[in-house]
């Protein structure tokens, strides 16, 4: 067999194996983060009125000290920007459950600069 024909046969066999897997990250999201750059996860914006529940939450969240997916500032008024949460008992924009393992995303409570780090 001619050397060029052998190289061509190897290229044809190997080529289908070198296909990149599709990304599961949200459009515009860095690969390391579960939260999009537009501060949404699952189509819900992570700003606004938040209620902590024990059952059937929108998101399960773990509070961490380092490398959070989202930095959260608790506010009393105007929770309209990414990471600004007003804790409420009624009429929340979304609900969370605090967990110790397997969260949907992690948060760190901060006094300044809330949002996606």
Protein backbone atom coordinates (compact mmCIF):
# COMPACT_ATOMS: atom_id res chain seq x y z
CA UNK A 1 0.00 0.00 0.00
CA UNK A 2 1.25 3.47 -0.83
CA UNK A 3 2.40 5.58 2.23
CA UNK A 4 0.02 8.42 1.34
CA UNK A 5 -2.92 6.03 1.18
CA UNK A 6 -2.03 4.66 4.63
CA UNK A 7 -1.91 8.17 6.12
CA UNK A 8 -5.26 8.99 4.52
CA UNK A 9 -6.85 5.82 5.90
CA UNK A 10 -5.60 6.65 9.42
CA UNK A 11 -6.92 10.22 9.15
CA UNK A 12 -10.36 8.98 8.10
CA UNK A 13 -10.53 6.54 11.03
CA UNK A 14 -9.25 9.01 13.64
CA UNK A 15 -11.15 12.12 12.51
CA UNK A 16 -14.57 11.15 13.96
CA UNK A 17 -12.96 10.57 17.37
CA UNK A 18 -11.70 14.15 17.64
CA UNK A 19 -15.05 15.88 17.97
CA UNK A 20 -15.53 18.43 20.74
CA UNK A 21 -18.31 17.75 23.22
CA UNK A 22 -21.02 20.42 23.42
CA UNK A 23 -20.79 22.78 26.38
CA UNK A 24 -23.47 22.52 29.04
CA UNK A 25 -22.76 26.00 30.38
CA UNK A 26 -25.30 28.74 29.81
CA UNK A 27 -24.60 31.06 26.89
CA UNK A 28 -22.24 33.79 28.01
CA UNK A 29 -21.23 31.90 31.16
CA UNK A 30 -17.67 31.10 32.07
CA UNK A 31 -17.11 27.36 32.12
CA UNK A 32 -16.23 27.30 35.84
CA UNK A 33 -19.46 28.99 36.97
CA UNK A 34 -23.00 27.68 37.10
CA UNK A 35 -24.37 31.22 36.94
CA UNK A 36 -24.52 33.14 33.67
CA UNK A 37 -22.85 36.50 33.23
CA UNK A 38 -26.35 37.97 33.10
CA UNK A 39 -26.81 36.75 36.70
CA UNK A 40 -29.36 34.08 35.86
CA UNK A 41 -29.59 30.38 36.47
CA UNK A 42 -32.39 28.35 34.98
CA UNK A 43 -33.88 31.54 33.54
CA UNK A 44 -34.33 33.20 36.94
CA UNK A 45 -32.47 36.38 37.81
CA UNK A 46 -30.56 36.07 41.09
CA UNK A 47 -31.63 39.41 42.49
CA UNK A 48 -34.72 40.47 44.36
CA UNK A 49 -36.91 39.15 47.14
CA UNK A 50 -35.75 35.79 48.52
CA UNK A 51 -37.40 33.39 50.93
CA UNK A 52 -35.55 30.59 52.70
CA UNK A 53 -37.69 27.42 52.76
CA UNK A 54 -37.30 23.84 53.96
CA UNK A 55 -39.12 22.13 51.10
CA UNK A 56 -39.60 22.61 47.35
CA UNK A 57 -37.09 25.42 46.80
CA UNK A 58 -36.29 26.97 43.44
CA UNK A 59 -32.58 26.53 44.26
CA UNK A 60 -30.50 24.64 46.80
CA UNK A 61 -27.70 26.91 48.00
CA UNK A 62 -24.57 26.34 50.07
CA UNK A 63 -22.95 29.21 51.98
CA UNK A 64 -19.16 29.12 51.61
CA UNK A 65 -16.22 31.26 52.75
CA UNK A 66 -14.16 31.06 49.56
CA UNK A 67 -14.68 30.75 45.80
CA UNK A 68 -18.47 31.30 45.65
CA UNK A 69 -20.50 31.18 42.46
CA UNK A 70 -22.30 34.35 43.64
CA UNK A 71 -21.51 37.06 46.17
CA UNK A 72 -24.68 38.12 47.99
CA UNK A 73 -25.40 41.34 49.84
CA UNK A 74 -28.49 41.36 52.04
CA UNK A 75 -30.37 44.63 51.61
CA UNK A 76 -33.53 46.21 53.02
CA UNK A 77 -34.44 48.17 49.89
CA UNK A 78 -33.89 48.10 46.13
CA UNK A 79 -32.79 44.49 45.56
CA UNK A 80 -32.65 45.14 41.84
CA UNK A 81 -29.03 44.32 40.95
CA UNK A 82 -27.20 41.01 40.68
CA UNK A 83 -26.50 39.50 44.09
CA UNK A 84 -28.61 41.99 46.06
CA UNK A 85 -31.14 39.95 48.05
CA UNK A 86 -33.94 41.13 50.32
CA UNK A 87 -34.98 38.31 52.67
CA UNK A 88 -38.77 38.11 52.93
CA UNK A 89 -41.46 35.86 54.40
CA UNK A 90 -44.06 36.41 51.68
CA UNK A 91 -44.23 37.01 47.92
CA UNK A 92 -40.62 36.07 47.01
CA UNK A 93 -39.14 36.32 43.53
CA UNK A 94 -37.50 32.95 44.19
CA UNK A 95 -36.94 30.54 47.08
CA UNK A 96 -33.79 28.89 48.36
CA UNK A 97 -32.97 26.03 50.68
CA UNK A 98 -29.65 26.14 52.55
CA UNK A 99 -27.79 22.84 52.18
CA UNK A 100 -24.39 21.47 53.19
CA UNK A 101 -23.75 19.35 50.09
CA UNK A 102 -24.66 19.14 46.39
CA UNK A 103 -25.95 22.72 45.94
CA UNK A 104 -27.25 24.21 42.72
CA UNK A 105 -24.78 27.04 43.37
CA UNK A 106 -22.71 28.47 46.22
CA UNK A 107 -22.91 31.93 47.79
CA UNK A 108 -20.84 34.09 50.08
CA UNK A 109 -22.42 36.90 52.07
CA UNK A 110 -20.55 40.18 51.50
CA UNK A 111 -20.87 43.81 52.58
CA UNK A 112 -19.72 45.23 49.26
CA UNK A 113 -19.47 44.27 45.59
CA UNK A 114 -22.27 41.70 45.26
CA UNK A 115 -22.66 39.73 42.06
CA UNK A 116 -20.78 37.17 40.02
CA UNK A 117 -17.11 37.30 41.06
